[in-house]
Amino acid sequence: MQRRRFGPYRLKAADDSTARRELAAMARAGHPPDLARRLLGCADDAALTALVEELSA
């Protein structure tokens, strides 16, 4: 099984169709759309860590 690289782990910048596919995959996995958008919008590990800490508080 190959891991998908979404958000800050993607290898190259996402175009509109890639972003829609990533969002759709996360929605099918049961993630709320607003959370999925925020996760996919993180630019790097620091932004992802900050988001996780915000959501954990």
C-alpha atoms as a PDB file:
ATOM      1  CA  MET A   1       0.000   0.000   0.000  1.00  0.00           C
ATOM      2  CA  GLN A   2       1.374   3.378  -0.986  1.00  0.00           C
ATOM      3  CA  ARG A   3       0.971   6.335   1.376  1.00  0.00           C
ATOM      4  CA  ARG A   4      -0.636   9.454   0.043  1.00  0.00           C
ATOM      5  CA  ARG A   5       1.180  12.728   0.556  1.00  0.00           C
ATOM      6  CA  PHE A   6      -1.361  15.429   1.305  1.00  0.00           C
ATOM      7  CA  GLY A   7      -1.009  18.961   2.622  1.00  0.00           C
ATOM      8  CA  PRO A   8       2.470  19.821   3.874  1.00  0.00           C
ATOM      9  CA  TYR A   9       3.740  16.364   2.871  1.00  0.00           C
ATOM     10  CA  ARG A  10       2.918  16.707  -0.820  1.00  0.00           C
ATOM     11  CA  LEU A  11       5.932  16.547  -3.105  1.00  0.00           C
ATOM     12  CA  LYS A  12       4.868  19.347  -5.451  1.00  0.00           C
ATOM     13  CA  ALA A  13       2.353  22.184  -5.384  1.00  0.00           C
ATOM     14  CA  ALA A  14      -1.245  21.107  -5.851  1.00  0.00           C
ATOM     15  CA  ASP A  15      -3.320  22.458  -8.690  1.00  0.00           C
ATOM     16  CA  ASP A  16      -7.101  22.817  -8.367  1.00  0.00           C
ATOM     17  CA  SER A  17      -7.912  19.284  -9.489  1.00  0.00           C
ATOM     18  CA  THR A  18      -5.341  17.757  -7.128  1.00  0.00           C
ATOM     19  CA  ALA A  19      -6.666  19.803  -4.209  1.00  0.00           C
ATOM     20  CA  ARG A  20     -10.235  18.663  -4.976  1.00  0.00           C
ATOM     21  CA  ARG A  21      -9.148  15.016  -5.148  1.00  0.00           C
ATOM     22  CA  GLU A  22      -7.279  15.292  -1.834  1.00  0.00           C
ATOM     23  CA  LEU A  23     -10.290  16.926  -0.173  1.00  0.00           C
ATOM     24  CA  ALA A  24     -12.618  14.273  -1.590  1.00  0.00           C
ATOM     25  CA  ALA A  25     -10.365  11.466  -0.339  1.00  0.00           C
ATOM     26  CA  MET A  26     -10.332  12.934   3.152  1.00  0.00           C
ATOM     27  CA  ALA A  27     -14.126  13.360   3.081  1.00  0.00           C
ATOM     28  CA  ARG A  28     -14.568   9.716   2.035  1.00  0.00           C
ATOM     29  CA  ALA A  29     -12.354   8.736   4.972  1.00  0.00           C
ATOM     30  CA  GLY A  30     -14.796  10.511   7.280  1.00  0.00           C
ATOM     31  CA  HIS A  31     -12.956  13.753   8.014  1.00  0.00           C
ATOM     32  CA  PRO A  32     -15.136  16.885   8.334  1.00  0.00           C
ATOM     33  CA  PRO A  33     -14.711  19.127   5.272  1.00  0.00           C
ATOM     34  CA  ASP A  34     -13.708  22.225   7.269  1.00  0.00           C
ATOM     35  CA  LEU A  35     -10.997  20.315   9.131  1.00  0.00           C
ATOM     36  CA  ALA A  36      -9.760  18.674   5.924  1.00  0.00           C
ATOM     37  CA  ARG A  37      -9.443  22.094   4.249  1.00  0.00           C
ATOM     38  CA  ARG A  38      -7.454  23.421   7.197  1.00  0.00           C
ATOM     39  CA  LEU A  39      -5.153  20.389   7.221  1.00  0.00           C
ATOM     40  CA  LEU A  40      -4.586  20.506   3.476  1.00  0.00           C
ATOM     41  CA  GLY A  41      -3.887  24.249   3.685  1.00  0.00           C
ATOM     42  CA  CYS A  42      -0.939  23.809   6.042  1.00  0.00           C
ATOM     43  CA  ALA A  43       2.265  24.837   4.302  1.00  0.00           C
ATOM     44  CA  ASP A  44       4.762  22.968   6.476  1.00  0.00           C
ATOM     45  CA  ASP A  45       5.252  20.894   9.614  1.00  0.00           C
ATOM     46  CA  ALA A  46       5.246  23.972  11.840  1.00  0.00           C
ATOM     47  CA  ALA A  47       1.830  25.049  10.558  1.00  0.00           C
ATOM     48  CA  LEU A  48       0.500  21.524  10.985  1.00  0.00           C
ATOM     49  CA  THR A  49       1.838  21.346  14.544  1.00  0.00           C
ATOM     50  CA  ALA A  50       0.258  24.708  15.366  1.00  0.00           C
ATOM     51  CA  LEU A  51      -3.086  23.517  13.999  1.00  0.00           C
ATOM     52  CA  VAL A  52      -2.941  20.307  16.028  1.00  0.00           C
ATOM     53  CA  GLU A  53      -2.106  22.251  19.181  1.00  0.00           C
ATOM     54  CA  GLU A  54      -4.968  24.686  18.489  1.00  0.00           C
ATOM     55  CA  LEU A  55      -7.424  21.836  18.032  1.00  0.00           C
ATOM     56  CA  SER A  56      -6.167  20.032  21.143  1.00  0.00           C
ATOM     57  CA  ALA A  57      -6.653  23.031  23.425  1.00  0.00           C
END
